């Protein structure tokens, strides 16, 4: 289906100025088609991980977790689509995106330096 969508986007008879609105519609369709897929992935992943981690089972906390997981998976998906669109092929896109994923992990708080010791994390560093 995606191949048919891309062929429909680039096979437009007529002047070249008529292509731009059609390309915008096609690219926005590619973005819109990811939203329900990411929602289903988030619900499946979120329920499994939420139960495995052992968070409190309150409705508000669960929906906040699903909300943040949904938008995290959504921006990662859109970032991957953007890098594939900007770079010449998928191999270069993998190299470029891996550098940005490393920077995102560095500043997201998952990698805590040894010099920073918050009271709950003191037993990890000693």
PDB file of N, CA and C in Angstrom:
ATOM      1  N   UNK A   1       0.816  -1.189   0.000  1.00  0.00           N
ATOM      2  CA  UNK A   1       0.000   0.000   0.000  1.00  0.00           C
ATOM      3  C   UNK A   1       0.861   1.254   0.000  1.00  0.00           C
ATOM      4  N   UNK A   2       1.973   1.205   0.726  1.00  0.00           N
ATOM      5  CA  UNK A   2       2.835   2.379   0.776  1.00  0.00           C
ATOM      6  C   UNK A   2       3.470   2.630  -0.589  1.00  0.00           C
ATOM      7  N   UNK A   3       3.794   1.567  -1.330  1.00  0.00           N
ATOM      8  CA  UNK A   3       4.357   1.736  -2.668  1.00  0.00           C
ATOM      9  C   UNK A   3       3.342   2.368  -3.602  1.00  0.00           C
ATOM     10  N   UNK A   4       2.078   1.941  -3.485  1.00  0.00           N
ATOM     11  CA  UNK A   4       1.036   2.542  -4.309  1.00  0.00           C
ATOM     12  C   UNK A   4       0.853   4.010  -3.969  1.00  0.00           C
ATOM     13  N   UNK A   5       0.942   4.329  -2.666  1.00  0.00           N
ATOM     14  CA  UNK A   5       0.794   5.720  -2.243  1.00  0.00           C
ATOM     15  C   UNK A   5       1.919   6.580  -2.793  1.00  0.00           C
ATOM     16  N   UNK A   6       3.148   6.084  -2.734  1.00  0.00           N
ATOM     17  CA  UNK A   6       4.274   6.852  -3.261  1.00  0.00           C
ATOM     18  C   UNK A   6       4.194   6.998  -4.774  1.00  0.00           C
ATOM     19  N   UNK A   7       3.763   5.953  -5.492  1.00  0.00           N
ATOM     20  CA  UNK A   7       3.608   6.068  -6.936  1.00  0.00           C
ATOM     21  C   UNK A   7       2.526   7.073  -7.289  1.00  0.00           C
ATOM     22  N   UNK A   8       1.452   7.100  -6.509  1.00  0.00           N
ATOM     23  CA  UNK A   8       0.394   8.073  -6.762  1.00  0.00           C
ATOM     24  C   UNK A   8       0.862   9.494  -6.481  1.00  0.00           C
ATOM     25  N   UNK A   9       1.801   9.643  -5.553  1.00  0.00           N
ATOM     26  CA  UNK A   9       2.283  10.988  -5.230  1.00  0.00           C
ATOM     27  C   UNK A   9       3.161  11.562  -6.324  1.00  0.00           C
ATOM     28  N   UNK A  10       3.919  10.732  -7.006  1.00  0.00           N
ATOM     29  CA  UNK A  10       4.897  11.237  -7.957  1.00  0.00           C
ATOM     30  C   UNK A  10       4.486  11.109  -9.416  1.00  0.00           C
ATOM     31  N   UNK A  11       3.376  10.491  -9.706  1.00  0.00           N
ATOM     32  CA  UNK A  11       2.913  10.376 -11.088  1.00  0.00           C
ATOM     33  C   UNK A  11       1.733  11.315 -11.305  1.00  0.00           C
ATOM     34  N   UNK A  12       2.039  12.577 -11.522  1.00  0.00           N
ATOM     35  CA  UNK A  12       1.006  13.588 -11.701  1.00  0.00           C
ATOM     36  C   UNK A  12       1.162  14.195 -13.083  1.00  0.00           C
ATOM     37  N   UNK A  13       0.178  14.086 -13.913  1.00  0.00           N
ATOM     38  CA  UNK A  13       0.276  14.743 -15.218  1.00  0.00           C
ATOM     39  C   UNK A  13       0.066  16.241 -15.078  1.00  0.00           C
ATOM     40  N   UNK A  14       0.663  16.988 -15.987  1.00  0.00           N
ATOM     41  CA  UNK A  14       0.452  18.426 -15.969  1.00  0.00           C
ATOM     42  C   UNK A  14       1.717  19.180 -15.638  1.00  0.00           C
ATOM     43  N   UNK A  15       1.531  20.416 -15.239  1.00  0.00           N
ATOM     44  CA  UNK A  15       2.657  21.295 -14.969  1.00  0.00           C
ATOM     45  C   UNK A  15       3.358  20.914 -13.669  1.00  0.00           C
ATOM     46  N   UNK A  16       4.599  21.346 -13.545  1.00  0.00           N
ATOM     47  CA  UNK A  16       5.365  21.021 -12.341  1.00  0.00           C
ATOM     48  C   UNK A  16       4.873  21.808 -11.128  1.00  0.00           C
ATOM     49  N   UNK A  17       4.220  22.936 -11.353  1.00  0.00           N
ATOM     50  CA  UNK A  17       3.717  23.699 -10.213  1.00  0.00           C
ATOM     51  C   UNK A  17       2.533  23.007  -9.551  1.00  0.00           C
ATOM     52  N   UNK A  18       1.872  22.109 -10.265  1.00  0.00           N
ATOM     53  CA  UNK A  18       0.741  21.388  -9.686  1.00  0.00           C
ATOM     54  C   UNK A  18       1.191  20.280  -8.755  1.00  0.00           C
ATOM     55  N   UNK A  19       2.481  19.946  -8.758  1.00  0.00           N
ATOM     56  CA  UNK A  19       2.967  18.843  -7.932  1.00  0.00           C
ATOM     57  C   UNK A  19       3.064  19.204  -6.459  1.00  0.00           C
ATOM     58  N   UNK A  20       3.348  20.421  -6.151  1.00  0.00           N
ATOM     59  CA  UNK A  20       3.634  20.763  -4.764  1.00  0.00           C
ATOM     60  C   UNK A  20       2.455  20.579  -3.827  1.00  0.00           C
ATOM     61  N   UNK A  21       1.262  21.050  -4.129  1.00  0.00           N
ATOM     62  CA  UNK A  21       0.150  20.768  -3.203  1.00  0.00           C
ATOM     63  C   UNK A  21      -0.134  19.277  -3.075  1.00  0.00           C
ATOM     64  N   UNK A  22       0.017  18.545  -4.170  1.00  0.00           N
ATOM     65  CA  UNK A  22      -0.246  17.112  -4.130  1.00  0.00           C
ATOM     66  C   UNK A  22       0.801  16.392  -3.267  1.00  0.00           C
ATOM     67  N   UNK A  23       2.061  16.827  -3.350  1.00  0.00           N
ATOM     68  CA  UNK A  23       3.097  16.222  -2.517  1.00  0.00           C
ATOM     69  C   UNK A  23       2.868  16.505  -1.039  1.00  0.00           C
ATOM     70  N   UNK A  24       2.385  17.700  -0.732  1.00  0.00           N
ATOM     71  CA  UNK A  24       2.091  18.029   0.663  1.00  0.00           C
ATOM     72  C   UNK A  24       0.983  17.133   1.192  1.00  0.00           C
ATOM     73  N   UNK A  25      -0.022  16.899   0.395  1.00  0.00           N
ATOM     74  CA  UNK A  25      -1.108  16.020   0.809  1.00  0.00           C
ATOM     75  C   UNK A  25      -0.597  14.591   0.999  1.00  0.00           C
ATOM     76  N   UNK A  26       0.258  14.121   0.108  1.00  0.00           N
ATOM     77  CA  UNK A  26       0.782  12.759   0.218  1.00  0.00           C
ATOM     78  C   UNK A  26       1.670  12.592   1.446  1.00  0.00           C
ATOM     79  N   UNK A  27       2.516  13.580   1.709  1.00  0.00           N
ATOM     80  CA  UNK A  27       3.368  13.481   2.894  1.00  0.00           C
ATOM     81  C   UNK A  27       2.549  13.584   4.175  1.00  0.00           C
ATOM     82  N   UNK A  28       1.503  14.409   4.168  1.00  0.00           N
ATOM     83  CA  UNK A  28       0.655  14.473   5.359  1.00  0.00           C
ATOM     84  C   UNK A  28      -0.133  13.187   5.536  1.00  0.00           C
ATOM     85  N   UNK A  29      -0.462  12.501   4.446  1.00  0.00           N
ATOM     86  CA  UNK A  29      -1.122  11.198   4.559  1.00  0.00           C
ATOM     87  C   UNK A  29      -0.174  10.175   5.158  1.00  0.00           C
ATOM     88  N   UNK A  30       1.108  10.236   4.813  1.00  0.00           N
ATOM     89  CA  UNK A  30       2.070   9.316   5.400  1.00  0.00           C
ATOM     90  C   UNK A  30       2.214   9.556   6.897  1.00  0.00           C
ATOM     91  N   UNK A  31       2.082  10.802   7.325  1.00  0.00           N
ATOM     92  CA  UNK A  31       2.149  11.114   8.746  1.00  0.00           C
ATOM     93  C   UNK A  31       0.869  10.652   9.439  1.00  0.00           C
ATOM     94  N   UNK A  32      -0.272  10.894   8.839  1.00  0.00           N
ATOM     95  CA  UNK A  32      -1.546  10.547   9.467  1.00  0.00           C
ATOM     96  C   UNK A  32      -1.754   9.035   9.576  1.00  0.00           C
ATOM     97  N   UNK A  33      -1.182   8.267   8.657  1.00  0.00           N
ATOM     98  CA  UNK A  33      -1.368   6.823   8.689  1.00  0.00           C
ATOM     99  C   UNK A  33      -0.606   6.195   9.852  1.00  0.00           C
ATOM    100  N   UNK A  34       0.418   6.876  10.370  1.00  0.00           N
ATOM    101  CA  UNK A  34       1.199   6.330  11.479  1.00  0.00           C
ATOM    102  C   UNK A  34       0.511   6.488  12.826  1.00  0.00           C
ATOM    103  N   UNK A  35      -0.409   7.434  12.945  1.00  0.00           N
ATOM    104  CA  UNK A  35      -1.012   7.741  14.243  1.00  0.00           C
ATOM    105  C   UNK A  35      -1.782   6.556  14.827  1.00  0.00           C
ATOM    106  N   UNK A  36      -2.684   5.890  14.085  1.00  0.00           N
ATOM    107  CA  UNK A  36      -3.363   4.739  14.709  1.00  0.00           C
ATOM    108  C   UNK A  36      -2.432   3.556  14.967  1.00  0.00           C
ATOM    109  N   UNK A  37      -1.435   3.342  14.109  1.00  0.00           N
ATOM    110  CA  UNK A  37      -0.499   2.243  14.329  1.00  0.00           C
ATOM    111  C   UNK A  37       0.319   2.465  15.600  1.00  0.00           C
ATOM    112  N   UNK A  38       0.767   3.674  15.797  1.00  0.00           N
ATOM    113  CA  UNK A  38       1.551   3.971  17.003  1.00  0.00           C
ATOM    114  C   UNK A  38       0.657   3.889  18.234  1.00  0.00           C
ATOM    115  N   UNK A  39      -0.604   4.259  18.116  1.00  0.00           N
ATOM    116  CA  UNK A  39      -1.523   4.147  19.247  1.00  0.00           C
ATOM    117  C   UNK A  39      -1.708   2.685  19.654  1.00  0.00           C
ATOM    118  N   UNK A  40      -1.883   1.793  18.692  1.00  0.00           N
ATOM    119  CA  UNK A  40      -2.032   0.370  19.000  1.00  0.00           C
ATOM    120  C   UNK A  40      -0.750  -0.176  19.619  1.00  0.00           C
ATOM    121  N   UNK A  41       0.399   0.196  19.056  1.00  0.00           N
ATOM    122  CA  UNK A  41       1.674  -0.245  19.620  1.00  0.00           C
ATOM    123  C   UNK A  41       1.849   0.263  21.050  1.00  0.00           C
ATOM    124  N   UNK A  42       1.444   1.505  21.296  1.00  0.00           N
ATOM    125  CA  UNK A  42       1.581   2.080  22.633  1.00  0.00           C
ATOM    126  C   UNK A  42       0.696   1.356  23.634  1.00  0.00           C
ATOM    127  N   UNK A  43      -0.527   1.039  23.254  1.00  0.00           N
ATOM    128  CA  UNK A  43      -1.423   0.350  24.176  1.00  0.00           C
ATOM    129  C   UNK A  43      -0.901  -1.043  24.514  1.00  0.00           C
ATOM    130  N   UNK A  44      -0.439  -1.777  23.513  1.00  0.00           N
ATOM    131  CA  UNK A  44       0.096  -3.117  23.774  1.00  0.00           C
ATOM    132  C   UNK A  44       1.358  -3.034  24.625  1.00  0.00           C
ATOM    133  N   UNK A  45       2.290  -2.201  24.197  1.00  0.00           N
ATOM    134  CA  UNK A  45       3.552  -2.052  24.918  1.00  0.00           C
ATOM    135  C   UNK A  45       3.327  -1.466  26.308  1.00  0.00           C
ATOM    136  N   UNK A  46       2.450  -0.480  26.405  1.00  0.00           N
ATOM    137  CA  UNK A  46       2.222   0.191  27.673  1.00  0.00           C
ATOM    138  C   UNK A  46       1.625  -0.716  28.727  1.00  0.00           C
ATOM    139  N   UNK A  47       0.658  -1.545  28.353  1.00  0.00           N
ATOM    140  CA  UNK A  47       0.047  -2.457  29.318  1.00  0.00           C
ATOM    141  C   UNK A  47       1.063  -3.489  29.798  1.00  0.00           C
ATOM    142  N   UNK A  48       1.842  -4.038  28.885  1.00  0.00           N
ATOM    143  CA  UNK A  48       2.830  -5.046  29.263  1.00  0.00           C
ATOM    144  C   UNK A  48       3.900  -4.451  30.170  1.00  0.00           C
ATOM    145  N   UNK A  49       4.458  -3.317  29.782  1.00  0.00           N
ATOM    146  CA  UNK A  49       5.553  -2.723  30.554  1.00  0.00           C
ATOM    147  C   UNK A  49       5.049  -2.162  31.880  1.00  0.00           C
ATOM    148  N   UNK A  50       3.865  -1.578  31.897  1.00  0.00           N
ATOM    149  CA  UNK A  50       3.322  -1.012  33.130  1.00  0.00           C
ATOM    150  C   UNK A  50       3.119  -2.104  34.181  1.00  0.00           C
ATOM    151  N   UNK A  51       2.663  -3.276  33.747  1.00  0.00           N
ATOM    152  CA  UNK A  51       2.493  -4.365  34.709  1.00  0.00           C
ATOM    153  C   UNK A  51       3.830  -4.965  35.128  1.00  0.00           C
ATOM    154  N   UNK A  52       4.792  -5.029  34.212  1.00  0.00           N
ATOM    155  CA  UNK A  52       6.088  -5.621  34.556  1.00  0.00           C
ATOM    156  C   UNK A  52       6.892  -4.730  35.500  1.00  0.00           C
ATOM    157  N   UNK A  53       6.786  -3.422  35.350  1.00  0.00           N
ATOM    158  CA  UNK A  53       7.527  -2.512  36.219  1.00  0.00           C
ATOM    159  C   UNK A  53       6.911  -2.485  37.611  1.00  0.00           C
ATOM    160  N   UNK A  54       5.616  -2.644  37.695  1.00  0.00           N
ATOM    161  CA  UNK A  54       4.958  -2.660  39.001  1.00  0.00           C
ATOM    162  C   UNK A  54       4.545  -1.291  39.481  1.00  0.00           C
ATOM    163  N   UNK A  55       4.164  -0.415  38.568  1.00  0.00           N
ATOM    164  CA  UNK A  55       3.674   0.899  38.967  1.00  0.00           C
ATOM    165  C   UNK A  55       2.332   0.763  39.676  1.00  0.00           C
ATOM    166  N   UNK A  56       1.912   1.842  40.350  1.00  0.00           N
ATOM    167  CA  UNK A  56       0.610   1.857  41.022  1.00  0.00           C
ATOM    168  C   UNK A  56      -0.496   1.796  39.978  1.00  0.00           C
ATOM    169  N   UNK A  57      -1.495   0.958  40.254  1.00  0.00           N
ATOM    170  CA  UNK A  57      -2.598   0.816  39.321  1.00  0.00           C
ATOM    171  C   UNK A  57      -3.697   1.823  39.644  1.00  0.00           C
ATOM    172  N   UNK A  58      -3.439   3.061  39.304  1.00  0.00           N
ATOM    173  CA  UNK A  58      -4.488   4.084  39.358  1.00  0.00           C
ATOM    174  C   UNK A  58      -4.745   4.534  37.926  1.00  0.00           C
ATOM    175  N   UNK A  59      -5.955   4.933  37.676  1.00  0.00           N
ATOM    176  CA  UNK A  59      -6.347   5.294  36.309  1.00  0.00           C
ATOM    177  C   UNK A  59      -5.556   6.503  35.816  1.00  0.00           C
ATOM    178  N   UNK A  60      -5.392   7.498  36.661  1.00  0.00           N
ATOM    179  CA  UNK A  60      -4.701   8.710  36.215  1.00  0.00           C
ATOM    180  C   UNK A  60      -3.231   8.439  35.912  1.00  0.00           C
ATOM    181  N   UNK A  61      -2.555   7.662  36.761  1.00  0.00           N
ATOM    182  CA  UNK A  61      -1.149   7.361  36.509  1.00  0.00           C
ATOM    183  C   UNK A  61      -0.974   6.509  35.263  1.00  0.00           C
ATOM    184  N   UNK A  62      -1.886   5.566  35.060  1.00  0.00           N
ATOM    185  CA  UNK A  62      -1.791   4.717  33.871  1.00  0.00           C
ATOM    186  C   UNK A  62      -1.983   5.534  32.599  1.00  0.00           C
ATOM    187  N   UNK A  63      -2.964   6.431  32.595  1.00  0.00           N
ATOM    188  CA  UNK A  63      -3.187   7.225  31.388  1.00  0.00           C
ATOM    189  C   UNK A  63      -2.086   8.251  31.166  1.00  0.00           C
ATOM    190  N   UNK A  64      -1.480   8.779  32.226  1.00  0.00           N
ATOM    191  CA  UNK A  64      -0.319   9.646  32.034  1.00  0.00           C
ATOM    192  C   UNK A  64       0.840   8.854  31.426  1.00  0.00           C
ATOM    193  N   UNK A  65       1.027   7.627  31.877  1.00  0.00           N
ATOM    194  CA  UNK A  65       2.081   6.783  31.315  1.00  0.00           C
ATOM    195  C   UNK A  65       1.821   6.501  29.839  1.00  0.00           C
ATOM    196  N   UNK A  66       0.583   6.155  29.508  1.00  0.00           N
ATOM    197  CA  UNK A  66       0.232   5.899  28.103  1.00  0.00           C
ATOM    198  C   UNK A  66       0.400   7.167  27.277  1.00  0.00           C
ATOM    199  N   UNK A  67       0.021   8.307  27.810  1.00  0.00           N
ATOM    200  CA  UNK A  67       0.159   9.582  27.106  1.00  0.00           C
ATOM    201  C   UNK A  67       1.617   9.862  26.752  1.00  0.00           C
ATOM    202  N   UNK A  68       2.508   9.737  27.738  1.00  0.00           N
ATOM    203  CA  UNK A  68       3.914  10.023  27.471  1.00  0.00           C
ATOM    204  C   UNK A  68       4.549   8.979  26.565  1.00  0.00           C
ATOM    205  N   UNK A  69       4.171   7.727  26.722  1.00  0.00           N
ATOM    206  CA  UNK A  69       4.712   6.693  25.843  1.00  0.00           C
ATOM    207  C   UNK A  69       4.230   6.885  24.407  1.00  0.00           C
ATOM    208  N   UNK A  70       2.976   7.281  24.248  1.00  0.00           N
ATOM    209  CA  UNK A  70       2.422   7.496  22.907  1.00  0.00           C
ATOM    210  C   UNK A  70       3.173   8.600  22.180  1.00  0.00           C
ATOM    211  N   UNK A  71       3.368   9.714  22.842  1.00  0.00           N
ATOM    212  CA  UNK A  71       4.044  10.815  22.163  1.00  0.00           C
ATOM    213  C   UNK A  71       5.541  10.564  22.009  1.00  0.00           C
ATOM    214  N   UNK A  72       6.130   9.778  22.900  1.00  0.00           N
ATOM    215  CA  UNK A  72       7.528   9.406  22.709  1.00  0.00           C
ATOM    216  C   UNK A  72       7.693   8.515  21.496  1.00  0.00           C
ATOM    217  N   UNK A  73       6.862   7.499  21.376  1.00  0.00           N
ATOM    218  CA  UNK A  73       6.931   6.625  20.198  1.00  0.00           C
ATOM    219  C   UNK A  73       6.573   7.384  18.924  1.00  0.00           C
ATOM    220  N   UNK A  74       5.652   8.343  19.038  1.00  0.00           N
ATOM    221  CA  UNK A  74       5.253   9.111  17.867  1.00  0.00           C
ATOM    222  C   UNK A  74       6.381  10.001  17.368  1.00  0.00           C
ATOM    223  N   UNK A  75       7.075  10.700  18.275  1.00  0.00           N
ATOM    224  CA  UNK A  75       8.147  11.561  17.770  1.00  0.00           C
ATOM    225  C   UNK A  75       9.346  10.750  17.313  1.00  0.00           C
ATOM    226  N   UNK A  76       9.569   9.575  17.892  1.00  0.00           N
ATOM    227  CA  UNK A  76      10.638   8.716  17.368  1.00  0.00           C
ATOM    228  C   UNK A  76      10.301   8.218  15.960  1.00  0.00           C
ATOM    229  N   UNK A  77       9.048   7.867  15.736  1.00  0.00           N
ATOM    230  CA  UNK A  77       8.617   7.424  14.403  1.00  0.00           C
ATOM    231  C   UNK A  77       8.727   8.553  13.394  1.00  0.00           C
ATOM    232  N   UNK A  78       8.270   9.732  13.774  1.00  0.00           N
ATOM    233  CA  UNK A  78       8.341  10.870  12.857  1.00  0.00           C
ATOM    234  C   UNK A  78       9.780  11.297  12.599  1.00  0.00           C
ATOM    235  N   UNK A  79      10.630  11.158  13.609  1.00  0.00           N
ATOM    236  CA  UNK A  79      12.044  11.473  13.394  1.00  0.00           C
ATOM    237  C   UNK A  79      12.668  10.484  12.410  1.00  0.00           C
ATOM    238  N   UNK A  80      12.331   9.213  12.536  1.00  0.00           N
ATOM    239  CA  UNK A  80      12.830   8.224  11.585  1.00  0.00           C
ATOM    240  C   UNK A  80      12.337   8.490  10.173  1.00  0.00           C
ATOM    241  N   UNK A  81      11.084   8.876  10.034  1.00  0.00           N
ATOM    242  CA  UNK A  81      10.556   9.208   8.714  1.00  0.00           C
ATOM    243  C   UNK A  81      11.252  10.435   8.141  1.00  0.00           C
ATOM    244  N   UNK A  82      11.550  11.415   8.996  1.00  0.00           N
ATOM    245  CA  UNK A  82      12.217  12.616   8.526  1.00  0.00           C
ATOM    246  C   UNK A  82      13.640  12.320   8.067  1.00  0.00           C
ATOM    247  N   UNK A  83      14.381  11.505   8.832  1.00  0.00           N
ATOM    248  CA  UNK A  83      15.760  11.216   8.436  1.00  0.00           C
ATOM    249  C   UNK A  83      15.814  10.410   7.148  1.00  0.00           C
ATOM    250  N   UNK A  84      14.875   9.515   6.944  1.00  0.00           N
ATOM    251  CA  UNK A  84      14.846   8.765   5.681  1.00  0.00           C
ATOM    252  C   UNK A  84      14.500   9.692   4.522  1.00  0.00           C
ATOM    253  N   UNK A  85      13.635  10.676   4.766  1.00  0.00           N
ATOM    254  CA  UNK A  85      13.260  11.602   3.697  1.00  0.00           C
ATOM    255  C   UNK A  85      14.380  12.578   3.370  1.00  0.00           C
ATOM    256  N   UNK A  86      15.170  12.977   4.367  1.00  0.00           N
ATOM    257  CA  UNK A  86      16.201  13.992   4.156  1.00  0.00           C
ATOM    258  C   UNK A  86      17.488  13.394   3.589  1.00  0.00           C
ATOM    259  N   UNK A  87      17.843  12.199   4.037  1.00  0.00           N
ATOM    260  CA  UNK A  87      19.103  11.590   3.602  1.00  0.00           C
ATOM    261  C   UNK A  87      18.912  10.839   2.287  1.00  0.00           C
ATOM    262  N   UNK A  88      20.018  10.557   1.588  1.00  0.00           N
ATOM    263  CA  UNK A  88      19.880   9.922   0.270  1.00  0.00           C
ATOM    264  C   UNK A  88      19.374   8.477   0.303  1.00  0.00           C
ATOM    265  N   UNK A  89      19.696   7.713   1.351  1.00  0.00           N
ATOM    266  CA  UNK A  89      19.195   6.342   1.441  1.00  0.00           C
ATOM    267  C   UNK A  89      19.056   5.946   2.907  1.00  0.00           C
ATOM    268  N   UNK A  90      18.554   4.735   3.130  1.00  0.00           N
ATOM    269  CA  UNK A  90      18.275   4.323   4.502  1.00  0.00           C
ATOM    270  C   UNK A  90      19.537   4.004   5.292  1.00  0.00           C
ATOM    271  N   UNK A  91      20.640   3.689   4.631  1.00  0.00           N
ATOM    272  CA  UNK A  91      21.890   3.438   5.351  1.00  0.00           C
ATOM    273  C   UNK A  91      22.433   4.717   5.991  1.00  0.00           C
ATOM    274  N   UNK A  92      22.417   5.798   5.244  1.00  0.00           N
ATOM    275  CA  UNK A  92      22.860   7.086   5.790  1.00  0.00           C
ATOM    276  C   UNK A  92      21.898   7.544   6.879  1.00  0.00           C
ATOM    277  N   UNK A  93      20.609   7.284   6.693  1.00  0.00           N
ATOM    278  CA  UNK A  93      19.620   7.662   7.711  1.00  0.00           C
ATOM    279  C   UNK A  93      19.869   6.922   9.018  1.00  0.00           C
ATOM    280  N   UNK A  94      20.283   5.666   8.948  1.00  0.00           N
ATOM    281  CA  UNK A  94      20.575   4.914  10.174  1.00  0.00           C
ATOM    282  C   UNK A  94      21.779   5.493  10.902  1.00  0.00           C
ATOM    283  N   UNK A  95      22.778   5.937  10.164  1.00  0.00           N
ATOM    284  CA  UNK A  95      23.966   6.525  10.789  1.00  0.00           C
ATOM    285  C   UNK A  95      23.632   7.863  11.432  1.00  0.00           C
ATOM    286  N   UNK A  96      22.892   8.698  10.712  1.00  0.00           N
ATOM    287  CA  UNK A  96      22.531  10.014  11.245  1.00  0.00           C
ATOM    288  C   UNK A  96      21.621   9.870  12.467  1.00  0.00           C
ATOM    289  N   UNK A  97      20.647   8.984  12.377  1.00  0.00           N
ATOM    290  CA  UNK A  97      19.714   8.851  13.493  1.00  0.00           C
ATOM    291  C   UNK A  97      20.369   8.240  14.723  1.00  0.00           C
ATOM    292  N   UNK A  98      21.353   7.353  14.534  1.00  0.00           N
ATOM    293  CA  UNK A  98      22.010   6.764  15.703  1.00  0.00           C
ATOM    294  C   UNK A  98      22.790   7.822  16.488  1.00  0.00           C
ATOM    295  N   UNK A  99      23.356   8.795  15.793  1.00  0.00           N
ATOM    296  CA  UNK A  99      24.049   9.883  16.495  1.00  0.00           C
ATOM    297  C   UNK A  99      23.066  10.713  17.317  1.00  0.00           C
ATOM    298  N   UNK A 100      21.909  11.008  16.753  1.00  0.00           N
ATOM    299  CA  UNK A 100      20.927  11.788  17.492  1.00  0.00           C
ATOM    300  C   UNK A 100      20.297  10.990  18.626  1.00  0.00           C
ATOM    301  N   UNK A 101      20.110   9.690  18.449  1.00  0.00           N
ATOM    302  CA  UNK A 101      19.587   8.866  19.541  1.00  0.00           C
ATOM    303  C   UNK A 101      20.560   8.838  20.712  1.00  0.00           C
ATOM    304  N   UNK A 102      21.862   8.802  20.430  1.00  0.00           N
ATOM    305  CA  UNK A 102      22.858   8.833  21.504  1.00  0.00           C
ATOM    306  C   UNK A 102      22.810  10.157  22.252  1.00  0.00           C
ATOM    307  N   UNK A 103      22.642  11.250  21.527  1.00  0.00           N
ATOM    308  CA  UNK A 103      22.547  12.566  22.181  1.00  0.00           C
ATOM    309  C   UNK A 103      21.268  12.658  23.001  1.00  0.00           C
ATOM    310  N   UNK A 104      20.155  12.145  22.466  1.00  0.00           N
ATOM    311  CA  UNK A 104      18.897  12.166  23.218  1.00  0.00           C
ATOM    312  C   UNK A 104      19.009  11.341  24.499  1.00  0.00           C
ATOM    313  N   UNK A 105      19.637  10.173  24.438  1.00  0.00           N
ATOM    314  CA  UNK A 105      19.814   9.365  25.637  1.00  0.00           C
ATOM    315  C   UNK A 105      20.740  10.037  26.640  1.00  0.00           C
ATOM    316  N   UNK A 106      21.730  10.755  26.140  1.00  0.00           N
ATOM    317  CA  UNK A 106      22.654  11.438  27.034  1.00  0.00           C
ATOM    318  C   UNK A 106      21.949  12.506  27.857  1.00  0.00           C
ATOM    319  N   UNK A 107      21.058  13.262  27.227  1.00  0.00           N
ATOM    320  CA  UNK A 107      20.393  14.360  27.913  1.00  0.00           C
ATOM    321  C   UNK A 107      19.007  14.018  28.449  1.00  0.00           C
ATOM    322  N   UNK A 108      18.572  12.780  28.328  1.00  0.00           N
ATOM    323  CA  UNK A 108      17.242  12.418  28.824  1.00  0.00           C
ATOM    324  C   UNK A 108      17.232  12.039  30.289  1.00  0.00           C
ATOM    325  N   UNK A 109      18.397  11.777  30.861  1.00  0.00           N
ATOM    326  CA  UNK A 109      18.465  11.438  32.268  1.00  0.00           C
ATOM    327  C   UNK A 109      18.683   9.971  32.530  1.00  0.00           C
ATOM    328  N   UNK A 110      18.784   9.148  31.497  1.00  0.00           N
ATOM    329  CA  UNK A 110      19.019   7.726  31.704  1.00  0.00           C
ATOM    330  C   UNK A 110      20.469   7.457  32.096  1.00  0.00           C
ATOM    331  N   UNK A 111      21.384   8.247  31.564  1.00  0.00           N
ATOM    332  CA  UNK A 111      22.793   8.081  31.881  1.00  0.00           C
ATOM    333  C   UNK A 111      23.137   9.090  32.968  1.00  0.00           C
ATOM    334  N   UNK A 112      23.219   8.627  34.210  1.00  0.00           N
ATOM    335  CA  UNK A 112      23.497   9.504  35.337  1.00  0.00           C
ATOM    336  C   UNK A 112      24.992   9.438  35.629  1.00  0.00           C
ATOM    337  N   UNK A 113      25.679  10.577  35.594  1.00  0.00           N
ATOM    338  CA  UNK A 113      27.119  10.536  35.874  1.00  0.00           C
ATOM    339  C   UNK A 113      27.399  10.186  37.332  1.00  0.00           C
ATOM    340  N   UNK A 114      28.583   9.668  37.590  1.00  0.00           N
ATOM    341  CA  UNK A 114      28.942   9.227  38.932  1.00  0.00           C
ATOM    342  C   UNK A 114      29.055  10.396  39.902  1.00  0.00           C
ATOM    343  N   UNK A 115      29.392  11.578  39.410  1.00  0.00           N
ATOM    344  CA  UNK A 115      29.562  12.719  40.300  1.00  0.00           C
ATOM    345  C   UNK A 115      28.234  13.258  40.813  1.00  0.00           C
ATOM    346  N   UNK A 116      27.146  13.019  40.109  1.00  0.00           N
ATOM    347  CA  UNK A 116      25.831  13.481  40.542  1.00  0.00           C
ATOM    348  C   UNK A 116      25.210  12.392  41.402  1.00  0.00           C
ATOM    349  N   UNK A 117      25.066  12.651  42.671  1.00  0.00           N
ATOM    350  CA  UNK A 117      24.459  11.670  43.569  1.00  0.00           C
ATOM    351  C   UNK A 117      23.268  12.294  44.256  1.00  0.00           C
ATOM    352  N   UNK A 118      22.126  11.953  43.778  1.00  0.00           N
ATOM    353  CA  UNK A 118      20.894  12.361  44.438  1.00  0.00           C
ATOM    354  C   UNK A 118      20.663  11.385  45.592  1.00  0.00           C
ATOM    355  N   UNK A 119      19.967  11.787  46.633  1.00  0.00           N
ATOM    356  CA  UNK A 119      19.781  10.888  47.779  1.00  0.00           C
ATOM    357  C   UNK A 119      19.199   9.519  47.422  1.00  0.00           C
ATOM    358  N   UNK A 120      18.185   9.391  46.541  1.00  0.00           N
ATOM    359  CA  UNK A 120      17.707   8.038  46.238  1.00  0.00           C
ATOM    360  C   UNK A 120      18.718   7.214  45.434  1.00  0.00           C
ATOM    361  N   UNK A 121      19.674   7.862  44.770  1.00  0.00           N
ATOM    362  CA  UNK A 121      20.612   7.137  43.911  1.00  0.00           C
ATOM    363  C   UNK A 121      21.952   6.885  44.592  1.00  0.00           C
ATOM    364  N   UNK A 122      22.071   7.198  45.861  1.00  0.00           N
ATOM    365  CA  UNK A 122      23.364   7.052  46.536  1.00  0.00           C
ATOM    366  C   UNK A 122      23.840   5.620  46.564  1.00  0.00           C
ATOM    367  N   UNK A 123      22.941   4.651  46.697  1.00  0.00           N
ATOM    368  CA  UNK A 123      23.397   3.267  46.773  1.00  0.00           C
ATOM    369  C   UNK A 123      23.846   2.727  45.431  1.00  0.00           C
ATOM    370  N   UNK A 124      23.521   3.395  44.315  1.00  0.00           N
ATOM    371  CA  UNK A 124      24.032   2.957  43.011  1.00  0.00           C
ATOM    372  C   UNK A 124      25.497   3.343  42.816  1.00  0.00           C
ATOM    373  N   UNK A 125      25.916   4.454  43.397  1.00  0.00           N
ATOM    374  CA  UNK A 125      27.259   4.961  43.131  1.00  0.00           C
ATOM    375  C   UNK A 125      28.284   4.510  44.156  1.00  0.00           C
ATOM    376  N   UNK A 126      27.866   3.900  45.250  1.00  0.00           N
ATOM    377  CA  UNK A 126      28.832   3.478  46.263  1.00  0.00           C
ATOM    378  C   UNK A 126      29.143   2.003  46.147  1.00  0.00           C
TER     379      UNK A 126
END
